[in-house]
Each structure stands twice: as structure tokens, then as C-alpha cells.
Amino acid sequence: MRRVLQHVVIFKLNATFTDELTASAITQLEAVVKANEGIIAASFGANETSLYDTYKPHTGGFTHTLIVTFVDERALKFYDTEAEHIKLGGIVIPHMKEAVATDTWIDTYPD
């Protein structure tokens, strides 16, 4: 196991944020990963609401989640102002009602 820094952002996006825009955001996130060697993993997608027959979603109206796992806080600092990340914001932010972001150290990330 190793220690990593996990950046999680949950979004409430307007209905104007289409599947095509989700695909564009994912493609742009791939560019973000390539631009920052301190990123271990990254994902973006719509929150699930019906995974199985008795599934009860607890999204609170939040529609999408971004998770980026970094090797350390220096990689997060680079990410904050990196051009590819700014471009990702340009895809998502115009459709955003609300967002909540957290940064958390994870001590049990698999090697």
C-alpha cells in the first residue's frame, strides 16, 4: 500500500451538459493526465442512479463526479494551474450549478 492524494469534485450540472459534452470532458481529462506525470489515475462521469433493483442513490442532486489521484501535493499544485486542466474547466464550468471539491490523503492505495 502507498499514500496518495485524492482530489474529488462532485458537480450539479445543468441538463445542457449532454452525453457528448461528457465524452469531450473525458477526452480532455486524458490530456490532463498526459500533461502531469504526478497523476496516478483520473476519472470523470455521470453519477449512477440505478445500479441494481434495490439501489437507492444518495446523490443529493449532484450529477457528475471527477476523481484525480496524485502522487503528492506538488502534483495537485501543478494541476491547479495547468493549461489542460483549465481547458477541462472550460467544458464543464459553463454548465455548472454547483460543485464541491475535497482533497484527501489516502493511506491504503494499492501499489
Protein backbone atom coordinates (compact mmCIF):
# COMPACT_ATOMS: atom_id res chain seq x y z
CA MET A 1 0.00 0.00 0.00
CA ARG A 2 1.04 3.59 -0.53
CA ARG A 3 -0.08 7.09 0.40
CA VAL A 4 -1.66 9.23 -2.33
CA LEU A 5 -3.61 12.47 -2.53
CA GLN A 6 -7.13 12.11 -3.89
CA HIS A 7 -8.94 15.11 -5.39
CA VAL A 8 -12.71 14.59 -5.64
CA VAL A 9 -15.14 17.07 -7.18
CA ILE A 10 -18.87 16.43 -7.33
CA PHE A 11 -20.91 18.58 -9.68
CA LYS A 12 -24.52 19.59 -10.16
CA LEU A 13 -24.60 20.15 -13.90
CA ASN A 14 -27.45 21.57 -15.95
CA ALA A 15 -29.39 19.47 -18.44
CA THR A 16 -27.38 21.33 -21.11
CA PHE A 17 -24.42 19.09 -20.19
CA THR A 18 -25.03 16.36 -22.77
CA ASP A 19 -23.51 12.92 -23.26
CA GLU A 20 -21.39 14.48 -26.00
CA LEU A 21 -20.02 17.02 -23.52
CA THR A 22 -19.32 14.21 -21.05
CA ALA A 23 -17.32 12.46 -23.78
CA SER A 24 -15.45 15.71 -24.53
CA ALA A 25 -14.66 16.15 -20.84
CA ILE A 26 -13.29 12.61 -20.63
CA THR A 27 -11.12 13.18 -23.71
CA GLN A 28 -9.83 16.42 -22.19
CA LEU A 29 -9.17 14.65 -18.89
CA GLU A 30 -6.92 12.25 -20.81
CA ALA A 31 -4.91 15.30 -21.96
CA VAL A 32 -4.73 16.48 -18.33
CA VAL A 33 -3.26 13.11 -17.30
CA LYS A 34 -0.67 13.22 -20.11
CA ALA A 35 0.39 16.73 -19.05
CA ASN A 36 1.01 15.83 -15.39
CA GLU A 37 3.31 12.93 -14.55
CA GLY A 38 2.15 13.21 -10.94
CA ILE A 39 -1.33 11.87 -11.77
CA ILE A 40 -1.77 8.18 -10.98
CA ALA A 41 -5.39 7.85 -12.12
CA ALA A 42 -8.28 10.07 -13.17
CA SER A 43 -11.96 9.58 -13.98
CA PHE A 44 -14.99 11.68 -14.82
CA GLY A 45 -18.54 10.57 -15.40
CA ALA A 46 -22.22 10.77 -14.62
CA ASN A 47 -23.29 9.54 -11.19
CA GLU A 48 -25.17 6.27 -11.31
CA THR A 49 -28.74 6.21 -10.06
CA SER A 50 -29.91 2.64 -10.78
CA LEU A 51 -27.09 0.11 -10.42
CA TYR A 52 -29.36 -2.74 -9.29
CA ASP A 53 -33.03 -3.28 -8.49
CA THR A 54 -32.92 -2.13 -4.84
CA TYR A 55 -30.25 0.55 -5.33
CA LYS A 56 -31.02 3.84 -3.59
CA PRO A 57 -28.96 6.74 -4.91
CA HIS A 58 -27.72 9.32 -2.44
CA THR A 59 -26.50 11.92 -4.93
CA GLY A 60 -28.25 14.90 -3.37
CA GLY A 61 -28.86 16.20 -6.87
CA PHE A 62 -25.19 16.02 -7.84
CA THR A 63 -24.94 14.65 -11.36
CA HIS A 64 -21.25 14.01 -12.11
CA THR A 65 -18.02 13.17 -10.29
CA LEU A 66 -14.36 13.86 -11.04
CA ILE A 67 -11.71 11.86 -9.18
CA VAL A 68 -8.00 12.52 -9.68
CA THR A 69 -5.37 10.61 -7.71
CA PHE A 70 -1.98 12.33 -7.30
CA VAL A 71 1.39 11.14 -6.06
CA ASP A 72 1.67 14.21 -3.81
CA GLU A 73 0.57 17.77 -3.19
CA ARG A 74 3.12 19.15 -5.69
CA ALA A 75 1.29 17.32 -8.47
CA LEU A 76 -2.02 18.82 -7.28
CA LYS A 77 -0.48 22.30 -7.22
CA PHE A 78 0.74 21.84 -10.82
CA TYR A 79 -2.72 20.56 -11.84
CA ASP A 80 -4.45 23.62 -10.38
CA THR A 81 -2.94 26.00 -12.95
CA GLU A 82 -2.03 23.64 -15.81
CA ALA A 83 -3.43 24.60 -19.24
CA GLU A 84 -5.11 21.24 -19.96
CA HIS A 85 -6.95 21.41 -16.63
CA ILE A 86 -8.12 24.95 -17.46
CA LYS A 87 -9.45 23.62 -20.79
CA LEU A 88 -11.36 20.90 -18.90
CA GLY A 89 -12.95 23.60 -16.77
CA GLY A 90 -13.94 25.38 -19.96
CA ILE A 91 -16.02 22.35 -20.94
CA VAL A 92 -17.68 21.78 -17.55
CA ILE A 93 -18.00 25.15 -15.79
CA PRO A 94 -20.42 26.80 -18.27
CA HIS A 95 -22.96 24.07 -17.38
CA MET A 96 -22.33 24.02 -13.62
CA LYS A 97 -24.93 24.88 -11.00
CA GLU A 98 -22.78 23.88 -8.04
CA ALA A 99 -19.65 21.93 -7.14
CA VAL A 100 -17.98 20.62 -4.01
CA ALA A 101 -14.28 19.71 -4.01
CA THR A 102 -12.21 17.84 -1.45
CA ASP A 103 -8.58 16.76 -1.22
CA THR A 104 -7.86 13.78 1.00
CA TRP A 105 -4.79 11.72 1.79
CA ILE A 106 -5.44 8.02 1.20
CA ASP A 107 -3.04 5.68 3.04
CA THR A 108 -4.33 2.41 1.59
CA TYR A 109 -3.93 2.94 -2.18
CA PRO A 110 -2.69 -0.26 -3.88
CA ASP A 111 0.88 -0.30 -5.22
